[in-house]
C-alpha atoms as a PDB file:
ATOM      1  CA  UNK A   1       0.544 -38.812 102.471  1.00  0.00           C
ATOM      2  CA  UNK A   2      -1.048 -38.039  98.999  1.00  0.00           C
ATOM      3  CA  UNK A   3       0.248 -34.815  97.474  1.00  0.00           C
ATOM      4  CA  UNK A   4       0.373 -32.881  94.186  1.00  0.00           C
ATOM      5  CA  UNK A   5       3.304 -32.459  91.984  1.00  0.00           C
ATOM      6  CA  UNK A   6       5.089 -29.739  89.951  1.00  0.00           C
ATOM      7  CA  UNK A   7       3.584 -26.253  90.484  1.00  0.00           C
ATOM      8  CA  UNK A   8       3.648 -24.503  87.247  1.00  0.00           C
ATOM      9  CA  UNK A   9       2.481 -27.466  85.304  1.00  0.00           C
ATOM     10  CA  UNK A  10      -0.260 -28.335  87.744  1.00  0.00           C
ATOM     11  CA  UNK A  11      -3.046 -27.032  85.572  1.00  0.00           C
ATOM     12  CA  UNK A  12      -2.232 -29.589  82.896  1.00  0.00           C
ATOM     13  CA  UNK A  13      -1.415 -32.680  85.119  1.00  0.00           C
ATOM     14  CA  UNK A  14      -3.710 -32.502  88.218  1.00  0.00           C
ATOM     15  CA  UNK A  15      -6.569 -34.191  86.369  1.00  0.00           C
ATOM     16  CA  UNK A  16      -4.428 -37.244  85.963  1.00  0.00           C
ATOM     17  CA  UNK A  17      -2.689 -37.331  89.304  1.00  0.00           C
ATOM     18  CA  UNK A  18      -5.011 -40.067  90.654  1.00  0.00           C
ATOM     19  CA  UNK A  19      -5.034 -42.237  87.667  1.00  0.00           C
ATOM     20  CA  UNK A  20      -2.640 -45.048  86.779  1.00  0.00           C
ATOM     21  CA  UNK A  21      -2.719 -44.017  83.148  1.00  0.00           C
ATOM     22  CA  UNK A  22      -1.952 -40.365  83.851  1.00  0.00           C
ATOM     23  CA  UNK A  23       1.313 -38.722  84.949  1.00  0.00           C
ATOM     24  CA  UNK A  24       2.219 -41.375  87.423  1.00  0.00           C
ATOM     25  CA  UNK A  25       2.570 -45.139  86.991  1.00  0.00           C
ATOM     26  CA  UNK A  26       0.841 -46.123  90.223  1.00  0.00           C
ATOM     27  CA  UNK A  27      -2.438 -44.781  91.717  1.00  0.00           C
ATOM     28  CA  UNK A  28      -1.831 -44.805  95.358  1.00  0.00           C
ATOM     29  CA  UNK A  29       1.466 -43.707  97.010  1.00  0.00           C
ATOM     30  CA  UNK A  30       3.219 -46.166  99.273  1.00  0.00           C
ATOM     31  CA  UNK A  31       6.604 -47.032 100.804  1.00  0.00           C
ATOM     32  CA  UNK A  32       9.452 -48.547  98.835  1.00  0.00           C
ATOM     33  CA  UNK A  33      10.585 -52.220  99.192  1.00  0.00           C
ATOM     34  CA  UNK A  34      13.500 -51.189 101.459  1.00  0.00           C
ATOM     35  CA  UNK A  35      14.206 -48.691 104.203  1.00  0.00           C
ATOM     36  CA  UNK A  36      16.717 -46.007 103.945  1.00  0.00           C
ATOM     37  CA  UNK A  37      20.288 -46.766 104.616  1.00  0.00           C
ATOM     38  CA  UNK A  38      22.229 -44.826 107.385  1.00  0.00           C
ATOM     39  CA  UNK A  39      23.951 -42.641 104.829  1.00  0.00           C
ATOM     40  CA  UNK A  40      20.593 -41.680 103.312  1.00  0.00           C
ATOM     41  CA  UNK A  41      19.182 -40.155 106.526  1.00  0.00           C
ATOM     42  CA  UNK A  42      22.062 -37.984 107.455  1.00  0.00           C
ATOM     43  CA  UNK A  43      20.917 -34.339 107.899  1.00  0.00           C
ATOM     44  CA  UNK A  44      21.965 -32.177 104.967  1.00  0.00           C
ATOM     45  CA  UNK A  45      24.209 -29.173 105.939  1.00  0.00           C
ATOM     46  CA  UNK A  46      22.474 -25.906 105.186  1.00  0.00           C
ATOM     47  CA  UNK A  47      24.409 -23.891 102.642  1.00  0.00           C
ATOM     48  CA  UNK A  48      23.791 -20.793 100.606  1.00  0.00           C
ATOM     49  CA  UNK A  49      22.005 -21.654  97.406  1.00  0.00           C
ATOM     50  CA  UNK A  50      20.393 -19.233  94.869  1.00  0.00           C
ATOM     51  CA  UNK A  51      16.690 -19.497  94.855  1.00  0.00           C
ATOM     52  CA  UNK A  52      15.524 -21.594  91.840  1.00  0.00           C
ATOM     53  CA  UNK A  53      14.021 -20.058  88.824  1.00  0.00           C
ATOM     54  CA  UNK A  54      11.066 -22.347  88.956  1.00  0.00           C
ATOM     55  CA  UNK A  55       8.612 -22.622  91.829  1.00  0.00           C
ATOM     56  CA  UNK A  56       9.049 -19.270  93.397  1.00  0.00           C
ATOM     57  CA  UNK A  57       6.202 -17.252  91.830  1.00  0.00           C
ATOM     58  CA  UNK A  58       2.902 -16.620  93.563  1.00  0.00           C
ATOM     59  CA  UNK A  59       0.327 -19.380  92.416  1.00  0.00           C
ATOM     60  CA  UNK A  60      -3.273 -20.419  92.870  1.00  0.00           C
ATOM     61  CA  UNK A  61      -4.651 -23.918  93.422  1.00  0.00           C
ATOM     62  CA  UNK A  62      -7.932 -25.355  94.444  1.00  0.00           C
ATOM     63  CA  UNK A  63      -9.323 -21.793  94.878  1.00  0.00           C
ATOM     64  CA  UNK A  64      -6.497 -20.767  97.191  1.00  0.00           C
ATOM     65  CA  UNK A  65      -3.857 -18.040  96.498  1.00  0.00           C
ATOM     66  CA  UNK A  66      -0.360 -18.629  97.761  1.00  0.00           C
ATOM     67  CA  UNK A  67       2.352 -15.979  98.121  1.00  0.00           C
ATOM     68  CA  UNK A  68       5.973 -17.025  98.594  1.00  0.00           C
ATOM     69  CA  UNK A  69       7.491 -15.923 101.879  1.00  0.00           C
ATOM     70  CA  UNK A  70       9.876 -13.030 101.377  1.00  0.00           C
ATOM     71  CA  UNK A  71      11.556 -12.833 104.786  1.00  0.00           C
ATOM     72  CA  UNK A  72      12.163 -16.328 106.268  1.00  0.00           C
ATOM     73  CA  UNK A  73      14.425 -15.122 109.140  1.00  0.00           C
ATOM     74  CA  UNK A  74      13.269 -16.734 112.367  1.00  0.00           C
ATOM     75  CA  UNK A  75      10.379 -18.330 110.555  1.00  0.00           C
ATOM     76  CA  UNK A  76       8.639 -21.111 112.614  1.00  0.00           C
ATOM     77  CA  UNK A  77       5.412 -23.026 112.133  1.00  0.00           C
ATOM     78  CA  UNK A  78       3.435 -25.687 113.905  1.00  0.00           C
ATOM     79  CA  UNK A  79       1.108 -28.126 112.219  1.00  0.00           C
ATOM     80  CA  UNK A  80       0.840 -31.623 110.629  1.00  0.00           C
ATOM     81  CA  UNK A  81       3.486 -33.379 108.589  1.00  0.00           C
ATOM     82  CA  UNK A  82       2.723 -36.135 106.087  1.00  0.00           C
ATOM     83  CA  UNK A  83       5.061 -37.942 103.660  1.00  0.00           C
ATOM     84  CA  UNK A  84       5.327 -38.997 100.037  1.00  0.00           C
ATOM     85  CA  UNK A  85       7.330 -41.787  98.411  1.00  0.00           C
ATOM     86  CA  UNK A  86       7.261 -44.311  95.608  1.00  0.00           C
ATOM     87  CA  UNK A  87       4.430 -42.807  93.555  1.00  0.00           C
ATOM     88  CA  UNK A  88       6.412 -39.600  93.049  1.00  0.00           C
ATOM     89  CA  UNK A  89       9.937 -40.980  92.920  1.00  0.00           C
ATOM     90  CA  UNK A  90      11.762 -39.769  89.860  1.00  0.00           C
ATOM     91  CA  UNK A  91       9.316 -37.127  88.856  1.00  0.00           C
ATOM     92  CA  UNK A  92      10.034 -33.452  88.807  1.00  0.00           C
ATOM     93  CA  UNK A  93       9.672 -31.361  91.883  1.00  0.00           C
ATOM     94  CA  UNK A  94       8.471 -27.741  91.709  1.00  0.00           C
ATOM     95  CA  UNK A  95      11.933 -26.332  91.473  1.00  0.00           C
ATOM     96  CA  UNK A  96      12.828 -28.538  88.545  1.00  0.00           C
ATOM     97  CA  UNK A  97      14.833 -31.242  90.350  1.00  0.00           C
ATOM     98  CA  UNK A  98      13.966 -34.861  90.314  1.00  0.00           C
ATOM     99  CA  UNK A  99      12.339 -36.188  93.590  1.00  0.00           C
ATOM    100  CA  UNK A 100      14.263 -38.880  95.294  1.00  0.00           C
ATOM    101  CA  UNK A 101      12.372 -40.458  98.101  1.00  0.00           C
ATOM    102  CA  UNK A 102      15.641 -41.541  99.621  1.00  0.00           C
ATOM    103  CA  UNK A 103      16.934 -37.924 100.019  1.00  0.00           C
ATOM    104  CA  UNK A 104      16.315 -35.712 103.000  1.00  0.00           C
ATOM    105  CA  UNK A 105      13.901 -33.318 101.268  1.00  0.00           C
ATOM    106  CA  UNK A 106      10.431 -31.975 101.790  1.00  0.00           C
ATOM    107  CA  UNK A 107       7.626 -29.833 100.311  1.00  0.00           C
ATOM    108  CA  UNK A 108       6.137 -26.694 101.689  1.00  0.00           C
ATOM    109  CA  UNK A 109       3.510 -24.485 100.178  1.00  0.00           C
ATOM    110  CA  UNK A 110       5.199 -21.062 100.515  1.00  0.00           C
ATOM    111  CA  UNK A 111       8.792 -21.256 101.673  1.00  0.00           C
ATOM    112  CA  UNK A 112      11.294 -20.147  99.029  1.00  0.00           C
ATOM    113  CA  UNK A 113      12.889 -23.063  97.103  1.00  0.00           C
ATOM    114  CA  UNK A 114      15.254 -24.231  98.181  1.00  0.00           C
ATOM    115  CA  UNK A 115      15.119 -23.703 101.884  1.00  0.00           C
ATOM    116  CA  UNK A 116      16.643 -25.640 104.787  1.00  0.00           C
ATOM    117  CA  UNK A 117      14.326 -26.493 107.608  1.00  0.00           C
ATOM    118  CA  UNK A 118      14.629 -28.250 110.935  1.00  0.00           C
ATOM    119  CA  UNK A 119      11.679 -30.519 111.645  1.00  0.00           C
ATOM    120  CA  UNK A 120      10.844 -31.549 115.221  1.00  0.00           C
ATOM    121  CA  UNK A 121       8.290 -34.381 115.695  1.00  0.00           C
ATOM    122  CA  UNK A 122       6.365 -33.190 118.566  1.00  0.00           C
ATOM    123  CA  UNK A 123       4.934 -36.741 119.143  1.00  0.00           C
ATOM    124  CA  UNK A 124       8.215 -38.415 119.770  1.00  0.00           C
ATOM    125  CA  UNK A 125      10.878 -35.741 120.113  1.00  0.00           C
ATOM    126  CA  UNK A 126      12.858 -36.748 117.009  1.00  0.00           C
ATOM    127  CA  UNK A 127      14.486 -34.084 114.900  1.00  0.00           C
ATOM    128  CA  UNK A 128      15.844 -33.866 111.417  1.00  0.00           C
ATOM    129  CA  UNK A 129      17.010 -31.265 108.828  1.00  0.00           C
ATOM    130  CA  UNK A 130      15.493 -31.330 105.330  1.00  0.00           C
ATOM    131  CA  UNK A 131      15.971 -29.296 102.166  1.00  0.00           C
ATOM    132  CA  UNK A 132      12.715 -27.955 100.882  1.00  0.00           C
ATOM    133  CA  UNK A 133      12.557 -28.264  97.052  1.00  0.00           C
ATOM    134  CA  UNK A 134       8.795 -28.888  96.276  1.00  0.00           C
ATOM    135  CA  UNK A 135       5.386 -27.537  96.841  1.00  0.00           C
ATOM    136  CA  UNK A 136       2.690 -29.163  99.016  1.00  0.00           C
ATOM    137  CA  UNK A 137       0.860 -30.590 100.932  1.00  0.00           C
ATOM    138  CA  UNK A 138      -2.459 -29.202  99.828  1.00  0.00           C
ATOM    139  CA  UNK A 139      -4.463 -30.815 102.569  1.00  0.00           C
ATOM    140  CA  UNK A 140      -6.110 -28.822 105.472  1.00  0.00           C
ATOM    141  CA  UNK A 141      -3.836 -28.578 108.459  1.00  0.00           C
ATOM    142  CA  UNK A 142      -0.754 -30.130 106.849  1.00  0.00           C
ATOM    143  CA  UNK A 143       2.233 -27.798 106.670  1.00  0.00           C
ATOM    144  CA  UNK A 144       4.979 -30.036 105.315  1.00  0.00           C
ATOM    145  CA  UNK A 145       5.311 -33.110 103.186  1.00  0.00           C
ATOM    146  CA  UNK A 146       8.436 -35.183 103.969  1.00  0.00           C
ATOM    147  CA  UNK A 147      10.343 -37.453 101.744  1.00  0.00           C
ATOM    148  CA  UNK A 148      10.182 -41.116 102.711  1.00  0.00           C
ATOM    149  CA  UNK A 149      13.665 -40.965 104.088  1.00  0.00           C
ATOM    150  CA  UNK A 150      12.959 -37.897 106.218  1.00  0.00           C
ATOM    151  CA  UNK A 151       9.698 -39.427 107.395  1.00  0.00           C
ATOM    152  CA  UNK A 152      11.522 -42.626 108.297  1.00  0.00           C
ATOM    153  CA  UNK A 153      14.101 -40.683 110.257  1.00  0.00           C
ATOM    154  CA  UNK A 154      11.436 -38.786 112.131  1.00  0.00           C
ATOM    155  CA  UNK A 155       9.241 -41.882 112.797  1.00  0.00           C
ATOM    156  CA  UNK A 156       6.354 -40.721 110.773  1.00  0.00           C
ATOM    157  CA  UNK A 157       6.150 -43.620 108.183  1.00  0.00           C
ATOM    158  CA  UNK A 158       4.196 -45.853 110.557  1.00  0.00           C
ATOM    159  CA  UNK A 159       1.731 -43.274 111.592  1.00  0.00           C
ATOM    160  CA  UNK A 160       1.397 -41.504 108.210  1.00  0.00           C
ATOM    161  CA  UNK A 161       1.197 -38.070 109.825  1.00  0.00           C
ATOM    162  CA  UNK A 162       2.580 -36.451 112.919  1.00  0.00           C
ATOM    163  CA  UNK A 163       2.375 -33.182 114.850  1.00  0.00           C
ATOM    164  CA  UNK A 164       5.562 -31.126 113.957  1.00  0.00           C
ATOM    165  CA  UNK A 165       7.288 -27.810 114.468  1.00  0.00           C
ATOM    166  CA  UNK A 166       9.391 -26.514 111.692  1.00  0.00           C
ATOM    167  CA  UNK A 167      12.168 -23.869 111.915  1.00  0.00           C
ATOM    168  CA  UNK A 168      13.911 -22.294 108.891  1.00  0.00           C
ATOM    169  CA  UNK A 169      17.722 -22.573 109.031  1.00  0.00           C
ATOM    170  CA  UNK A 170      19.812 -19.974 107.353  1.00  0.00           C
ATOM    171  CA  UNK A 171      23.421 -20.460 106.682  1.00  0.00           C
ATOM    172  CA  UNK A 172      25.829 -17.712 107.821  1.00  0.00           C
ATOM    173  CA  UNK A 173      27.026 -15.615 104.874  1.00  0.00           C
ATOM    174  CA  UNK A 174      30.752 -14.697 104.823  1.00  0.00           C
ATOM    175  CA  UNK A 175      31.319 -10.968 105.125  1.00  0.00           C
ATOM    176  CA  UNK A 176      33.751  -9.469 102.619  1.00  0.00           C
ATOM    177  CA  UNK A 177      35.315  -6.107 102.307  1.00  0.00           C
ATOM    178  CA  UNK A 178      34.166  -5.765  98.692  1.00  0.00           C
ATOM    179  CA  UNK A 179      30.456  -6.529  99.175  1.00  0.00           C
ATOM    180  CA  UNK A 180      28.689  -8.171  96.320  1.00  0.00           C
ATOM    181  CA  UNK A 181      25.163  -7.469  95.221  1.00  0.00           C
ATOM    182  CA  UNK A 182      22.788  -9.604  93.178  1.00  0.00           C
ATOM    183  CA  UNK A 183      21.726  -8.004  89.901  1.00  0.00           C
ATOM    184  CA  UNK A 184      19.914  -9.057  86.819  1.00  0.00           C
ATOM    185  CA  UNK A 185      21.706  -8.009  83.502  1.00  0.00           C
ATOM    186  CA  UNK A 186      18.944  -7.152  81.006  1.00  0.00           C
ATOM    187  CA  UNK A 187      20.953  -6.458  77.920  1.00  0.00           C
ATOM    188  CA  UNK A 188      24.293  -5.338  76.550  1.00  0.00           C
ATOM    189  CA  UNK A 189      25.004  -3.081  73.652  1.00  0.00           C
ATOM    190  CA  UNK A 190      27.952  -1.093  72.148  1.00  0.00           C
ATOM    191  CA  UNK A 191      25.634   2.062  71.833  1.00  0.00           C
ATOM    192  CA  UNK A 192      25.511   4.172  74.910  1.00  0.00           C
ATOM    193  CA  UNK A 193      22.450   5.895  73.584  1.00  0.00           C
ATOM    194  CA  UNK A 194      20.615   2.652  73.104  1.00  0.00           C
ATOM    195  CA  UNK A 195      21.552   1.509  76.669  1.00  0.00           C
ATOM    196  CA  UNK A 196      20.406   4.822  78.251  1.00  0.00           C
ATOM    197  CA  UNK A 197      16.982   4.598  76.262  1.00  0.00           C
ATOM    198  CA  UNK A 198      16.533   1.094  77.500  1.00  0.00           C
ATOM    199  CA  UNK A 199      17.401   2.020  81.087  1.00  0.00           C
ATOM    200  CA  UNK A 200      14.812   4.776  80.966  1.00  0.00           C
ATOM    201  CA  UNK A 201      12.195   2.344  79.585  1.00  0.00           C
ATOM    202  CA  UNK A 202      12.864  -0.113  82.457  1.00  0.00           C
ATOM    203  CA  UNK A 203      12.636   2.660  85.019  1.00  0.00           C
ATOM    204  CA  UNK A 204       9.295   3.844  83.722  1.00  0.00           C
ATOM    205  CA  UNK A 205       7.681   0.424  82.844  1.00  0.00           C
ATOM    206  CA  UNK A 206       8.822  -1.508  85.935  1.00  0.00           C
ATOM    207  CA  UNK A 207       9.777   1.160  88.488  1.00  0.00           C
ATOM    208  CA  UNK A 208      13.054  -0.644  88.900  1.00  0.00           C
ATOM    209  CA  UNK A 209      16.472   0.926  89.309  1.00  0.00           C
ATOM    210  CA  UNK A 210      18.347   0.627  86.018  1.00  0.00           C
ATOM    211  CA  UNK A 211      22.083   1.263  85.762  1.00  0.00           C
ATOM    212  CA  UNK A 212      24.598   1.116  82.965  1.00  0.00           C
ATOM    213  CA  UNK A 213      28.046  -0.466  83.519  1.00  0.00           C
ATOM    214  CA  UNK A 214      30.806  -0.217  80.721  1.00  0.00           C
ATOM    215  CA  UNK A 215      32.832  -3.351  80.350  1.00  0.00           C
ATOM    216  CA  UNK A 216      35.150  -4.240  77.564  1.00  0.00           C
ATOM    217  CA  UNK A 217      33.422  -1.891  74.966  1.00  0.00           C
ATOM    218  CA  UNK A 218      29.902  -2.927  76.045  1.00  0.00           C
ATOM    219  CA  UNK A 219      27.321  -0.912  77.891  1.00  0.00           C
ATOM    220  CA  UNK A 220      25.553  -3.403  80.096  1.00  0.00           C
ATOM    221  CA  UNK A 221      22.190  -2.592  81.486  1.00  0.00           C
ATOM    222  CA  UNK A 222      21.680  -3.868  84.973  1.00  0.00           C
ATOM    223  CA  UNK A 223      18.877  -3.753  87.516  1.00  0.00           C
ATOM    224  CA  UNK A 224      19.138  -4.385  91.244  1.00  0.00           C
ATOM    225  CA  UNK A 225      20.462  -5.132  93.707  1.00  0.00           C
ATOM    226  CA  UNK A 226      17.909  -7.771  94.722  1.00  0.00           C
ATOM    227  CA  UNK A 227      17.236 -10.403  97.349  1.00  0.00           C
ATOM    228  CA  UNK A 228      17.450 -13.903  96.072  1.00  0.00           C
ATOM    229  CA  UNK A 229      13.724 -14.251  95.720  1.00  0.00           C
ATOM    230  CA  UNK A 230      13.268 -10.851  94.023  1.00  0.00           C
ATOM    231  CA  UNK A 231      15.978 -11.694  91.550  1.00  0.00           C
ATOM    232  CA  UNK A 232      14.283 -15.040  90.620  1.00  0.00           C
ATOM    233  CA  UNK A 233      10.905 -13.277  90.238  1.00  0.00           C
ATOM    234  CA  UNK A 234      12.265 -10.382  88.045  1.00  0.00           C
ATOM    235  CA  UNK A 235      14.334 -12.766  85.986  1.00  0.00           C
ATOM    236  CA  UNK A 236      11.313 -14.834  85.178  1.00  0.00           C
ATOM    237  CA  UNK A 237       9.157 -11.694  84.287  1.00  0.00           C
ATOM    238  CA  UNK A 238      11.781  -9.841  82.207  1.00  0.00           C
ATOM    239  CA  UNK A 239      12.514 -13.005  80.155  1.00  0.00           C
ATOM    240  CA  UNK A 240       8.790 -13.478  79.660  1.00  0.00           C
ATOM    241  CA  UNK A 241       8.458  -9.983  78.415  1.00  0.00           C
ATOM    242  CA  UNK A 242      11.032  -9.824  75.711  1.00  0.00           C
ATOM    243  CA  UNK A 243      14.358  -9.903  77.410  1.00  0.00           C
ATOM    244  CA  UNK A 244      15.235 -13.488  76.692  1.00  0.00           C
ATOM    245  CA  UNK A 245      18.879 -13.025  77.271  1.00  0.00           C
ATOM    246  CA  UNK A 246      18.619 -11.572  80.829  1.00  0.00           C
ATOM    247  CA  UNK A 247      20.537 -13.375  83.502  1.00  0.00           C
ATOM    248  CA  UNK A 248      21.532 -12.876  87.198  1.00  0.00           C
ATOM    249  CA  UNK A 249      24.939 -11.819  88.114  1.00  0.00           C
ATOM    250  CA  UNK A 250      26.867 -10.950  91.266  1.00  0.00           C
ATOM    251  CA  UNK A 251      28.821  -7.707  91.229  1.00  0.00           C
ATOM    252  CA  UNK A 252      30.624  -5.471  93.724  1.00  0.00           C
ATOM    253  CA  UNK A 253      28.083  -2.896  94.936  1.00  0.00           C
ATOM    254  CA  UNK A 254      30.638  -0.080  94.843  1.00  0.00           C
ATOM    255  CA  UNK A 255      31.515  -0.525  91.125  1.00  0.00           C
ATOM    256  CA  UNK A 256      27.774  -0.694  90.067  1.00  0.00           C
ATOM    257  CA  UNK A 257      26.989   2.325  92.190  1.00  0.00           C
ATOM    258  CA  UNK A 258      29.765   4.367  90.493  1.00  0.00           C
ATOM    259  CA  UNK A 259      28.553   3.149  87.120  1.00  0.00           C
ATOM    260  CA  UNK A 260      25.071   4.283  88.015  1.00  0.00           C
ATOM    261  CA  UNK A 261      26.159   7.824  89.010  1.00  0.00           C
ATOM    262  CA  UNK A 262      28.239   8.165  85.775  1.00  0.00           C
ATOM    263  CA  UNK A 263      25.458   7.041  83.480  1.00  0.00           C
ATOM    264  CA  UNK A 264      22.987   9.451  85.176  1.00  0.00           C
ATOM    265  CA  UNK A 265      25.478  12.312  84.871  1.00  0.00           C
ATOM    266  CA  UNK A 266      26.018  11.526  81.121  1.00  0.00           C
ATOM    267  CA  UNK A 267      22.287  11.258  80.390  1.00  0.00           C
ATOM    268  CA  UNK A 268      21.654  14.622  82.151  1.00  0.00           C
ATOM    269  CA  UNK A 269      24.215  16.575  80.262  1.00  0.00           C
ATOM    270  CA  UNK A 270      22.789  19.369  78.087  1.00  0.00           C
ATOM    271  CA  UNK A 271      24.781  20.288  74.867  1.00  0.00           C
ATOM    272  CA  UNK A 272      25.874  23.886  74.829  1.00  0.00           C
END
C-alpha cells in the first residue's frame, strides 16, 4: 500500500516520505474514517484528454530507468495491485492534480498520464474502471496502485493487495472531414526571414519538421504533427531550451501542409 509521490520532485522529497515531519503529516498510510459513497465508486467514462505536461517524461528511480509507453493500443498487464489513501490525500499526483482518495484513480509506472484502465480483480472477479494520473507503485511485482475508492470497489482494501489484470481503454475519436493534427507552435514573428531562419535552426538542431503558417500578418513557426505523448515531450523540451512561449495547438492538416509547401518554395527561390 505504501507508495511514492510526485515524479519530477521525487529527488527532493523521497528522503522525507516516511517521516511525519516531512512532506506528509502521517507516517503510515491507512484507510479514511468512512467508506466511499455509491456515487464515489461509479466508473469514470473514458474520454479523450491531452496527455499532461507533467509526469510523461522518462525518469529514473531507485536505480531503475522508466520509459513511458508510446503505443497503448491493446495494452494489457497482469500483476499485483495495491492501494493508497489517507496519507497521500490532498497531495499532488505526478501529472499535477491533487490526489483524492475518494476518486476512481490509480498510479502506474509507465502508462501515459492520464490513461483509462479497466482493472479486473482475478481473486474475486470484480471489475472497475480507473483514471491513471500518478506514478507508482515502486515495489517488486506490483503493477498498479489504486485509490482507496477504487480498491474498495474491487475488494482490495481488506486484503491490501490482489492479483489483477489491467486493460487500457481508448475512447473512440470522432472522424471529421477536415482532419486536425496536433502541433507545437514555437514562435511567431512579422518577419518571414526570421521565421525561415528559425525553422531551419529547428530542423538542424532537433531533426523536427518545421513549417511556417501565415496568419493575420504573423509568420507562425510550427512543428508536428505529433501524437499526444510526443507533443507533451517536445513542448517540455522546447520550453526548457529557450522557447518559453511555445504551446500546443490543433490545426487542419491540409492547411499546415499547404503552408509548409509554400514556405519551402519561398526559401528555395534564387534571385535572378
